All heavy atoms as atom14 arrays in JSON, in Angstrom:
{
  "sequence": "VSVLMGFAVVPFAPGVVVADLNVGILFFLAMSSMGAYSIILGGWA",
  "atom14_mask": [
    [1, 1, 1, 1, 1, 1, 1, 0, 0, 0, 0, 0, 0, 0],
    [1, 1, 1, 1, 1, 1, 0, 0, 0, 0, 0, 0, 0, 0],
    [1, 1, 1, 1, 1, 1, 1, 0, 0, 0, 0, 0, 0, 0],
    [1, 1, 1, 1, 1, 1, 1, 1, 0, 0, 0, 0, 0, 0],
    [1, 1, 1, 1, 1, 1, 1, 1, 0, 0, 0, 0, 0, 0],
    [1, 1, 1, 1, 0, 0, 0, 0, 0, 0, 0, 0, 0, 0],
    [1, 1, 1, 1, 1, 1, 1, 1, 1, 1, 1, 0, 0, 0],
    [1, 1, 1, 1, 1, 0, 0, 0, 0, 0, 0, 0, 0, 0],
    [1, 1, 1, 1, 1, 1, 1, 0, 0, 0, 0, 0, 0, 0],
    [1, 1, 1, 1, 1, 1, 1, 0, 0, 0, 0, 0, 0, 0],
    [1, 1, 1, 1, 1, 1, 1, 0, 0, 0, 0, 0, 0, 0],
    [1, 1, 1, 1, 1, 1, 1, 1, 1, 1, 1, 0, 0, 0],
    [1, 1, 1, 1, 1, 0, 0, 0, 0, 0, 0, 0, 0, 0],
    [1, 1, 1, 1, 1, 1, 1, 0, 0, 0, 0, 0, 0, 0],
    [1, 1, 1, 1, 0, 0, 0, 0, 0, 0, 0, 0, 0, 0],
    [1, 1, 1, 1, 1, 1, 1, 0, 0, 0, 0, 0, 0, 0],
    [1, 1, 1, 1, 1, 1, 1, 0, 0, 0, 0, 0, 0, 0],
    [1, 1, 1, 1, 1, 1, 1, 0, 0, 0, 0, 0, 0, 0],
    [1, 1, 1, 1, 1, 0, 0, 0, 0, 0, 0, 0, 0, 0],
    [1, 1, 1, 1, 1, 1, 1, 1, 0, 0, 0, 0, 0, 0],
    [1, 1, 1, 1, 1, 1, 1, 1, 0, 0, 0, 0, 0, 0],
    [1, 1, 1, 1, 1, 1, 1, 1, 0, 0, 0, 0, 0, 0],
    [1, 1, 1, 1, 1, 1, 1, 0, 0, 0, 0, 0, 0, 0],
    [1, 1, 1, 1, 0, 0, 0, 0, 0, 0, 0, 0, 0, 0],
    [1, 1, 1, 1, 1, 1, 1, 1, 0, 0, 0, 0, 0, 0],
    [1, 1, 1, 1, 1, 1, 1, 1, 0, 0, 0, 0, 0, 0],
    [1, 1, 1, 1, 1, 1, 1, 1, 1, 1, 1, 0, 0, 0],
    [1, 1, 1, 1, 1, 1, 1, 1, 1, 1, 1, 0, 0, 0],
    [1, 1, 1, 1, 1, 1, 1, 1, 0, 0, 0, 0, 0, 0],
    [1, 1, 1, 1, 1, 0, 0, 0, 0, 0, 0, 0, 0, 0],
    [1, 1, 1, 1, 1, 1, 1, 1, 0, 0, 0, 0, 0, 0],
    [1, 1, 1, 1, 1, 1, 0, 0, 0, 0, 0, 0, 0, 0],
    [1, 1, 1, 1, 1, 1, 0, 0, 0, 0, 0, 0, 0, 0],
    [1, 1, 1, 1, 1, 1, 1, 1, 0, 0, 0, 0, 0, 0],
    [1, 1, 1, 1, 0, 0, 0, 0, 0, 0, 0, 0, 0, 0],
    [1, 1, 1, 1, 1, 0, 0, 0, 0, 0, 0, 0, 0, 0],
    [1, 1, 1, 1, 1, 1, 1, 1, 1, 1, 1, 1, 0, 0],
    [1, 1, 1, 1, 1, 1, 0, 0, 0, 0, 0, 0, 0, 0],
    [1, 1, 1, 1, 1, 1, 1, 1, 0, 0, 0, 0, 0, 0],
    [1, 1, 1, 1, 1, 1, 1, 1, 0, 0, 0, 0, 0, 0],
    [1, 1, 1, 1, 1, 1, 1, 1, 0, 0, 0, 0, 0, 0],
    [1, 1, 1, 1, 0, 0, 0, 0, 0, 0, 0, 0, 0, 0],
    [1, 1, 1, 1, 0, 0, 0, 0, 0, 0, 0, 0, 0, 0],
    [1, 1, 1, 1, 1, 1, 1, 1, 1, 1, 1, 1, 1, 1],
    [1, 1, 1, 1, 1, 0, 0, 0, 0, 0, 0, 0, 0, 0]
  ],
  "atom14_positions": [
    [[9.34, 5.38, 11.89], [9.58, 5.34, 10.45], [8.39, 5.91, 9.68], [8.56, 6.7, 8.75], [9.88, 3.89, 9.99], [9.9, 3.8, 8.47], [11.21, 3.41, 10.56], [0.0, 0.0, 0.0], [0.0, 0.0, 0.0], [0.0, 0.0, 0.0], [0.0, 0.0, 0.0], [0.0, 0.0, 0.0], [0.0, 0.0, 0.0], [0.0, 0.0, 0.0]],
    [[7.17, 5.54, 10.1], [5.99, 6.01, 9.36], [5.83, 7.53, 9.45], [5.48, 8.18, 8.46], [4.73, 5.31, 9.88], [4.5, 5.61, 11.23], [0.0, 0.0, 0.0], [0.0, 0.0, 0.0], [0.0, 0.0, 0.0], [0.0, 0.0, 0.0], [0.0, 0.0, 0.0], [0.0, 0.0, 0.0], [0.0, 0.0, 0.0], [0.0, 0.0, 0.0]],
    [[6.1, 8.1, 10.63], [5.97, 9.56, 10.78], [7.05, 10.27, 9.97], [6.78, 11.26, 9.27], [6.05, 9.97, 12.26], [6.1, 11.48, 12.39], [4.86, 9.44, 13.03], [0.0, 0.0, 0.0], [0.0, 0.0, 0.0], [0.0, 0.0, 0.0], [0.0, 0.0, 0.0], [0.0, 0.0, 0.0], [0.0, 0.0, 0.0], [0.0, 0.0, 0.0]],
    [[8.29, 9.78, 10.04], [9.38, 10.4, 9.26], [9.11, 10.31, 7.76], [9.4, 11.24, 7.01], [10.71, 9.74, 9.61], [11.3, 10.1, 10.98], [12.51, 9.23, 11.28], [11.67, 11.58, 11.06], [0.0, 0.0, 0.0], [0.0, 0.0, 0.0], [0.0, 0.0, 0.0], [0.0, 0.0, 0.0], [0.0, 0.0, 0.0], [0.0, 0.0, 0.0]],
    [[8.54, 9.19, 7.32], [8.19, 9.05, 5.9], [7.1, 10.04, 5.51], [7.07, 10.55, 4.39], [7.73, 7.62, 5.62], [8.83, 6.58, 5.65], [9.98, 6.75, 4.26], [8.97, 6.1, 2.93], [0.0, 0.0, 0.0], [0.0, 0.0, 0.0], [0.0, 0.0, 0.0], [0.0, 0.0, 0.0], [0.0, 0.0, 0.0], [0.0, 0.0, 0.0]],
    [[6.19, 10.34, 6.46], [5.14, 11.32, 6.18], [5.69, 12.69, 5.85], [5.12, 13.43, 5.03], [0.0, 0.0, 0.0], [0.0, 0.0, 0.0], [0.0, 0.0, 0.0], [0.0, 0.0, 0.0], [0.0, 0.0, 0.0], [0.0, 0.0, 0.0], [0.0, 0.0, 0.0], [0.0, 0.0, 0.0], [0.0, 0.0, 0.0], [0.0, 0.0, 0.0]],
    [[6.83, 13.06, 6.46], [7.44, 14.36, 6.2], [8.05, 14.45, 4.8], [8.38, 15.54, 4.35], [8.53, 14.65, 7.23], [8.02, 15.18, 8.53], [7.91, 14.37, 9.64], [7.63, 16.51, 8.64], [7.44, 14.86, 10.84], [7.15, 17.02, 9.83], [7.05, 16.18, 10.94], [0.0, 0.0, 0.0], [0.0, 0.0, 0.0], [0.0, 0.0, 0.0]],
    [[8.22, 13.31, 4.12], [8.88, 13.3, 2.81], [8.15, 14.15, 1.78], [8.77, 14.69, 0.86], [9.02, 11.86, 2.3], [0.0, 0.0, 0.0], [0.0, 0.0, 0.0], [0.0, 0.0, 0.0], [0.0, 0.0, 0.0], [0.0, 0.0, 0.0], [0.0, 0.0, 0.0], [0.0, 0.0, 0.0], [0.0, 0.0, 0.0], [0.0, 0.0, 0.0]],
    [[6.81, 14.3, 1.92], [6.05, 15.02, 0.9], [5.67, 16.43, 1.33], [5.0, 17.15, 0.6], [4.77, 14.24, 0.53], [5.11, 12.94, -0.17], [3.91, 13.96, 1.77], [0.0, 0.0, 0.0], [0.0, 0.0, 0.0], [0.0, 0.0, 0.0], [0.0, 0.0, 0.0], [0.0, 0.0, 0.0], [0.0, 0.0, 0.0], [0.0, 0.0, 0.0]],
    [[6.1, 16.85, 2.54], [5.75, 18.19, 3.04], [6.68, 19.23, 2.4], [7.9, 19.17, 2.57], [5.87, 18.26, 4.57], [5.57, 19.68, 5.06], [4.92, 17.27, 5.23], [0.0, 0.0, 0.0], [0.0, 0.0, 0.0], [0.0, 0.0, 0.0], [0.0, 0.0, 0.0], [0.0, 0.0, 0.0], [0.0, 0.0, 0.0], [0.0, 0.0, 0.0]],
    [[6.12, 20.21, 1.66], [6.97, 21.27, 1.08], [7.21, 22.39, 2.1], [6.3, 23.12, 2.46], [6.13, 21.77, -0.11], [4.71, 21.48, 0.28], [4.71, 20.34, 1.26], [0.0, 0.0, 0.0], [0.0, 0.0, 0.0], [0.0, 0.0, 0.0], [0.0, 0.0, 0.0], [0.0, 0.0, 0.0], [0.0, 0.0, 0.0], [0.0, 0.0, 0.0]],
    [[8.44, 22.49, 2.59], [8.76, 23.49, 3.61], [8.94, 24.88, 3.02], [8.75, 25.88, 3.71], [10.04, 23.07, 4.35], [9.95, 21.71, 4.99], [10.59, 20.62, 4.42], [9.21, 21.52, 6.14], [10.5, 19.36, 5.0], [9.11, 20.27, 6.73], [9.76, 19.18, 6.15], [0.0, 0.0, 0.0], [0.0, 0.0, 0.0], [0.0, 0.0, 0.0]],
    [[9.35, 24.95, 1.76], [9.57, 26.2, 1.04], [9.65, 25.84, -0.44], [9.73, 24.65, -0.79], [10.85, 26.89, 1.51], [0.0, 0.0, 0.0], [0.0, 0.0, 0.0], [0.0, 0.0, 0.0], [0.0, 0.0, 0.0], [0.0, 0.0, 0.0], [0.0, 0.0, 0.0], [0.0, 0.0, 0.0], [0.0, 0.0, 0.0], [0.0, 0.0, 0.0]],
    [[9.66, 26.82, -1.35], [9.77, 26.48, -2.77], [11.03, 25.67, -3.06], [12.14, 26.12, -2.79], [9.82, 27.86, -3.45], [9.15, 28.78, -2.49], [9.48, 28.25, -1.13], [0.0, 0.0, 0.0], [0.0, 0.0, 0.0], [0.0, 0.0, 0.0], [0.0, 0.0, 0.0], [0.0, 0.0, 0.0], [0.0, 0.0, 0.0], [0.0, 0.0, 0.0]],
    [[10.87, 24.46, -3.55], [12.02, 23.6, -3.88], [12.59, 22.84, -2.7], [13.46, 21.99, -2.87], [0.0, 0.0, 0.0], [0.0, 0.0, 0.0], [0.0, 0.0, 0.0], [0.0, 0.0, 0.0], [0.0, 0.0, 0.0], [0.0, 0.0, 0.0], [0.0, 0.0, 0.0], [0.0, 0.0, 0.0], [0.0, 0.0, 0.0], [0.0, 0.0, 0.0]],
    [[12.13, 23.13, -1.47], [12.64, 22.45, -0.27], [11.64, 21.37, 0.13], [10.77, 21.56, 0.99], [12.88, 23.43, 0.89], [13.5, 22.71, 2.09], [13.77, 24.58, 0.45], [0.0, 0.0, 0.0], [0.0, 0.0, 0.0], [0.0, 0.0, 0.0], [0.0, 0.0, 0.0], [0.0, 0.0, 0.0], [0.0, 0.0, 0.0], [0.0, 0.0, 0.0]],
    [[11.74, 20.22, -0.52], [10.86, 19.08, -0.25], [11.63, 17.82, -0.61], [12.39, 17.8, -1.57], [9.55, 19.2, -1.06], [9.81, 19.29, -2.56], [8.61, 18.05, -0.75], [0.0, 0.0, 0.0], [0.0, 0.0, 0.0], [0.0, 0.0, 0.0], [0.0, 0.0, 0.0], [0.0, 0.0, 0.0], [0.0, 0.0, 0.0], [0.0, 0.0, 0.0]],
    [[11.47, 16.79, 0.2], [12.22, 15.55, -0.04], [11.71, 14.84, -1.28], [12.48, 14.43, -2.14], [12.11, 14.61, 1.19], [12.76, 13.25, 0.89], [12.78, 15.25, 2.4], [0.0, 0.0, 0.0], [0.0, 0.0, 0.0], [0.0, 0.0, 0.0], [0.0, 0.0, 0.0], [0.0, 0.0, 0.0], [0.0, 0.0, 0.0], [0.0, 0.0, 0.0]],
    [[10.38, 14.7, -1.42], [9.8, 14.03, -2.59], [8.54, 14.78, -2.99], [7.52, 14.72, -2.29], [9.47, 12.58, -2.25], [0.0, 0.0, 0.0], [0.0, 0.0, 0.0], [0.0, 0.0, 0.0], [0.0, 0.0, 0.0], [0.0, 0.0, 0.0], [0.0, 0.0, 0.0], [0.0, 0.0, 0.0], [0.0, 0.0, 0.0], [0.0, 0.0, 0.0]],
    [[8.61, 15.52, -4.11], [7.47, 16.32, -4.58], [6.55, 15.44, -5.42], [6.49, 15.53, -6.64], [7.99, 17.5, -5.39], [6.93, 18.58, -5.57], [5.95, 18.56, -4.8], [7.07, 19.4, -6.48], [0.0, 0.0, 0.0], [0.0, 0.0, 0.0], [0.0, 0.0, 0.0], [0.0, 0.0, 0.0], [0.0, 0.0, 0.0], [0.0, 0.0, 0.0]],
    [[5.8, 14.55, -4.74], [4.97, 13.56, -5.42], [3.65, 14.17, -5.9], [3.07, 15.03, -5.23], [4.67, 12.39, -4.49], [5.86, 11.62, -3.92], [5.37, 10.51, -3.01], [6.72, 11.05, -5.03], [0.0, 0.0, 0.0], [0.0, 0.0, 0.0], [0.0, 0.0, 0.0], [0.0, 0.0, 0.0], [0.0, 0.0, 0.0], [0.0, 0.0, 0.0]],
    [[3.16, 13.69, -7.05], [1.85, 14.13, -7.55], [0.71, 13.57, -6.69], [-0.41, 14.05, -6.77], [1.66, 13.68, -9.0], [2.52, 14.49, -9.95], [2.81, 15.66, -9.68], [2.95, 13.89, -11.03], [0.0, 0.0, 0.0], [0.0, 0.0, 0.0], [0.0, 0.0, 0.0], [0.0, 0.0, 0.0], [0.0, 0.0, 0.0], [0.0, 0.0, 0.0]],
    [[1.0, 12.52, -5.94], [0.0, 11.92, -5.06], [0.42, 12.15, -3.6], [0.28, 11.27, -2.75], [-0.19, 10.42, -5.35], [-0.89, 10.2, -6.66], [1.15, 9.68, -5.32], [0.0, 0.0, 0.0], [0.0, 0.0, 0.0], [0.0, 0.0, 0.0], [0.0, 0.0, 0.0], [0.0, 0.0, 0.0], [0.0, 0.0, 0.0], [0.0, 0.0, 0.0]],
    [[0.92, 13.35, -3.3], [1.46, 13.65, -1.98], [0.47, 13.42, -0.85], [0.82, 12.86, 0.19], [0.0, 0.0, 0.0], [0.0, 0.0, 0.0], [0.0, 0.0, 0.0], [0.0, 0.0, 0.0], [0.0, 0.0, 0.0], [0.0, 0.0, 0.0], [0.0, 0.0, 0.0], [0.0, 0.0, 0.0], [0.0, 0.0, 0.0], [0.0, 0.0, 0.0]],
    [[-0.8, 13.84, -1.05], [-1.8, 13.68, 0.01], [-2.06, 12.2, 0.27], [-2.18, 11.77, 1.43], [-3.11, 14.4, -0.37], [-2.95, 15.9, -0.13], [-4.29, 13.87, 0.43], [-4.19, 16.71, -0.37], [0.0, 0.0, 0.0], [0.0, 0.0, 0.0], [0.0, 0.0, 0.0], [0.0, 0.0, 0.0], [0.0, 0.0, 0.0], [0.0, 0.0, 0.0]],
    [[-2.16, 11.4, -0.8], [-2.39, 9.96, -0.62], [-1.22, 9.3, 0.09], [-1.42, 8.41, 0.93], [-2.63, 9.3, -1.98], [-3.84, 9.79, -2.77], [-3.96, 9.05, -4.1], [-5.12, 9.61, -1.96], [0.0, 0.0, 0.0], [0.0, 0.0, 0.0], [0.0, 0.0, 0.0], [0.0, 0.0, 0.0], [0.0, 0.0, 0.0], [0.0, 0.0, 0.0]],
    [[0.0, 9.75, -0.21], [1.19, 9.21, 0.47], [1.16, 9.55, 1.95], [1.44, 8.7, 2.8], [2.45, 9.77, -0.18], [3.72, 9.19, 0.38], [4.24, 8.0, -0.11], [4.42, 9.84, 1.39], [5.41, 7.46, 0.41], [5.59, 9.32, 1.92], [6.08, 8.12, 1.42], [0.0, 0.0, 0.0], [0.0, 0.0, 0.0], [0.0, 0.0, 0.0]],
    [[0.79, 10.8, 2.26], [0.68, 11.21, 3.67], [-0.35, 10.37, 4.42], [-0.09, 9.88, 5.53], [0.3, 12.7, 3.75], [-0.33, 13.09, 5.05], [0.44, 13.19, 6.2], [-1.7, 13.35, 5.13], [-0.16, 13.55, 7.42], [-2.28, 13.7, 6.33], [-1.51, 13.8, 7.48], [0.0, 0.0, 0.0], [0.0, 0.0, 0.0], [0.0, 0.0, 0.0]],
    [[-1.52, 10.15, 3.8], [-2.57, 9.35, 4.45], [-2.11, 7.9, 4.64], [-2.39, 7.29, 5.68], [-3.85, 9.38, 3.61], [-4.6, 10.72, 3.59], [-5.76, 10.67, 2.6], [-5.12, 11.09, 4.98], [0.0, 0.0, 0.0], [0.0, 0.0, 0.0], [0.0, 0.0, 0.0], [0.0, 0.0, 0.0], [0.0, 0.0, 0.0], [0.0, 0.0, 0.0]],
    [[-1.39, 7.37, 3.66], [-0.89, 5.99, 3.76], [0.1, 5.87, 4.92], [0.03, 4.92, 5.71], [-0.23, 5.58, 2.45], [0.0, 0.0, 0.0], [0.0, 0.0, 0.0], [0.0, 0.0, 0.0], [0.0, 0.0, 0.0], [0.0, 0.0, 0.0], [0.0, 0.0, 0.0], [0.0, 0.0, 0.0], [0.0, 0.0, 0.0], [0.0, 0.0, 0.0]],
    [[1.02, 6.83, 5.03], [2.03, 6.76, 6.09], [1.42, 6.98, 7.47], [1.79, 6.31, 8.44], [3.13, 7.81, 5.84], [4.03, 7.51, 4.66], [4.88, 5.92, 4.81], [3.98, 4.93, 3.64], [0.0, 0.0, 0.0], [0.0, 0.0, 0.0], [0.0, 0.0, 0.0], [0.0, 0.0, 0.0], [0.0, 0.0, 0.0], [0.0, 0.0, 0.0]],
    [[0.46, 7.89, 7.56], [-0.15, 8.15, 8.87], [-0.97, 6.94, 9.34], [-1.03, 6.65, 10.54], [-1.02, 9.4, 8.84], [-2.1, 9.24, 7.95], [0.0, 0.0, 0.0], [0.0, 0.0, 0.0], [0.0, 0.0, 0.0], [0.0, 0.0, 0.0], [0.0, 0.0, 0.0], [0.0, 0.0, 0.0], [0.0, 0.0, 0.0], [0.0, 0.0, 0.0]],
    [[-1.59, 6.22, 8.4], [-2.36, 5.04, 8.79], [-1.46, 3.89, 9.22], [-1.88, 3.02, 9.98], [-3.27, 4.59, 7.65], [-2.51, 4.23, 6.52], [0.0, 0.0, 0.0], [0.0, 0.0, 0.0], [0.0, 0.0, 0.0], [0.0, 0.0, 0.0], [0.0, 0.0, 0.0], [0.0, 0.0, 0.0], [0.0, 0.0, 0.0], [0.0, 0.0, 0.0]],
    [[-0.18, 3.9, 8.76], [0.76, 2.85, 9.18], [1.05, 2.94, 10.68], [1.42, 1.95, 11.31], [2.07, 2.99, 8.41], [1.99, 2.6, 6.95], [1.88, 0.83, 6.73], [3.54, 0.35, 7.17], [0.0, 0.0, 0.0], [0.0, 0.0, 0.0], [0.0, 0.0, 0.0], [0.0, 0.0, 0.0], [0.0, 0.0, 0.0], [0.0, 0.0, 0.0]],
    [[0.88, 4.13, 11.27], [1.14, 4.3, 12.69], [0.25, 3.43, 13.57], [0.62, 3.07, 14.69], [0.0, 0.0, 0.0], [0.0, 0.0, 0.0], [0.0, 0.0, 0.0], [0.0, 0.0, 0.0], [0.0, 0.0, 0.0], [0.0, 0.0, 0.0], [0.0, 0.0, 0.0], [0.0, 0.0, 0.0], [0.0, 0.0, 0.0], [0.0, 0.0, 0.0]],
    [[-0.94, 3.08, 13.05], [-1.85, 2.22, 13.82], [-1.22, 0.84, 14.07], [-1.46, 0.24, 15.12], [-3.17, 2.07, 13.07], [0.0, 0.0, 0.0], [0.0, 0.0, 0.0], [0.0, 0.0, 0.0], [0.0, 0.0, 0.0], [0.0, 0.0, 0.0], [0.0, 0.0, 0.0], [0.0, 0.0, 0.0], [0.0, 0.0, 0.0], [0.0, 0.0, 0.0]],
    [[-0.4, 0.37, 13.11], [0.24, -0.93, 13.29], [1.18, -0.93, 14.5], [1.31, -1.94, 15.19], [1.05, -1.31, 12.03], [0.18, -1.77, 10.89], [-0.13, -0.9, 9.85], [-0.32, -3.05, 10.84], [-0.93, -1.31, 8.8], [-1.12, -3.48, 9.79], [-1.42, -2.6, 8.77], [-2.21, -3.0, 7.74], [0.0, 0.0, 0.0], [0.0, 0.0, 0.0]],
    [[1.83, 0.2, 14.73], [2.76, 0.29, 15.86], [2.03, 0.04, 17.18], [2.5, -0.73, 18.02], [3.43, 1.65, 15.86], [4.23, 1.82, 17.0], [0.0, 0.0, 0.0], [0.0, 0.0, 0.0], [0.0, 0.0, 0.0], [0.0, 0.0, 0.0], [0.0, 0.0, 0.0], [0.0, 0.0, 0.0], [0.0, 0.0, 0.0], [0.0, 0.0, 0.0]],
    [[0.89, 0.7, 17.35], [0.11, 0.55, 18.58], [-0.42, -0.88, 18.72], [-0.32, -1.5, 19.78], [-1.05, 1.56, 18.6], [-0.48, 2.98, 18.77], [-2.03, 1.26, 19.72], [-1.53, 4.05, 18.75], [0.0, 0.0, 0.0], [0.0, 0.0, 0.0], [0.0, 0.0, 0.0], [0.0, 0.0, 0.0], [0.0, 0.0, 0.0], [0.0, 0.0, 0.0]],
    [[-0.97, -1.41, 17.63], [-1.56, -2.76, 17.68], [-0.48, -3.8, 17.99], [-0.65, -4.66, 18.87], [-2.25, -3.09, 16.34], [-3.41, -2.13, 16.11], [-2.75, -4.54, 16.33], [-3.92, -2.11, 14.68], [0.0, 0.0, 0.0], [0.0, 0.0, 0.0], [0.0, 0.0, 0.0], [0.0, 0.0, 0.0], [0.0, 0.0, 0.0], [0.0, 0.0, 0.0]],
    [[0.65, -3.71, 17.28], [1.73, -4.68, 17.49], [2.33, -4.56, 18.89], [2.61, -5.56, 19.55], [2.82, -4.5, 16.43], [2.44, -4.83, 14.99], [3.57, -4.48, 14.05], [2.08, -6.31, 14.85], [0.0, 0.0, 0.0], [0.0, 0.0, 0.0], [0.0, 0.0, 0.0], [0.0, 0.0, 0.0], [0.0, 0.0, 0.0], [0.0, 0.0, 0.0]],
    [[2.53, -3.32, 19.35], [3.1, -3.11, 20.68], [2.22, -3.65, 21.78], [2.68, -4.31, 22.71], [0.0, 0.0, 0.0], [0.0, 0.0, 0.0], [0.0, 0.0, 0.0], [0.0, 0.0, 0.0], [0.0, 0.0, 0.0], [0.0, 0.0, 0.0], [0.0, 0.0, 0.0], [0.0, 0.0, 0.0], [0.0, 0.0, 0.0], [0.0, 0.0, 0.0]],
    [[0.91, -3.38, 21.69], [-0.02, -3.86, 22.7], [-0.18, -5.37, 22.67], [-0.22, -6.02, 23.72], [0.0, 0.0, 0.0], [0.0, 0.0, 0.0], [0.0, 0.0, 0.0], [0.0, 0.0, 0.0], [0.0, 0.0, 0.0], [0.0, 0.0, 0.0], [0.0, 0.0, 0.0], [0.0, 0.0, 0.0], [0.0, 0.0, 0.0], [0.0, 0.0, 0.0]],
    [[-0.25, -5.94, 21.47], [-0.42, -7.39, 21.34], [0.83, -8.14, 21.82], [0.73, -9.12, 22.55], [-0.73, -7.73, 19.89], [-0.88, -9.21, 19.63], [0.08, -10.07, 19.17], [-2.04, -10.0, 19.85], [-0.41, -11.34, 19.09], [-1.73, -11.34, 19.5], [-3.33, -9.72, 20.31], [-2.64, -12.37, 19.6], [-4.24, -10.75, 20.4], [-3.89, -12.06, 20.05]],
    [[2.01, -7.66, 21.39], [3.26, -8.35, 21.73], [3.59, -8.27, 23.21], [4.32, -9.12, 23.73], [4.41, -7.77, 20.91], [0.0, 0.0, 0.0], [0.0, 0.0, 0.0], [0.0, 0.0, 0.0], [0.0, 0.0, 0.0], [0.0, 0.0, 0.0], [0.0, 0.0, 0.0], [0.0, 0.0, 0.0], [0.0, 0.0, 0.0], [0.0, 0.0, 0.0]]
  ]
}
């Protein structure tokens, strides 16, 4: 889910973007950092 959400702000071509956010880079960093939870939860559980 976190990786797929990261693609939401990637502009593939002019007008071809899921969410053209003004804080696109911050959204990408937030989603990529969520991936760490997957590893921690999987290893702990």
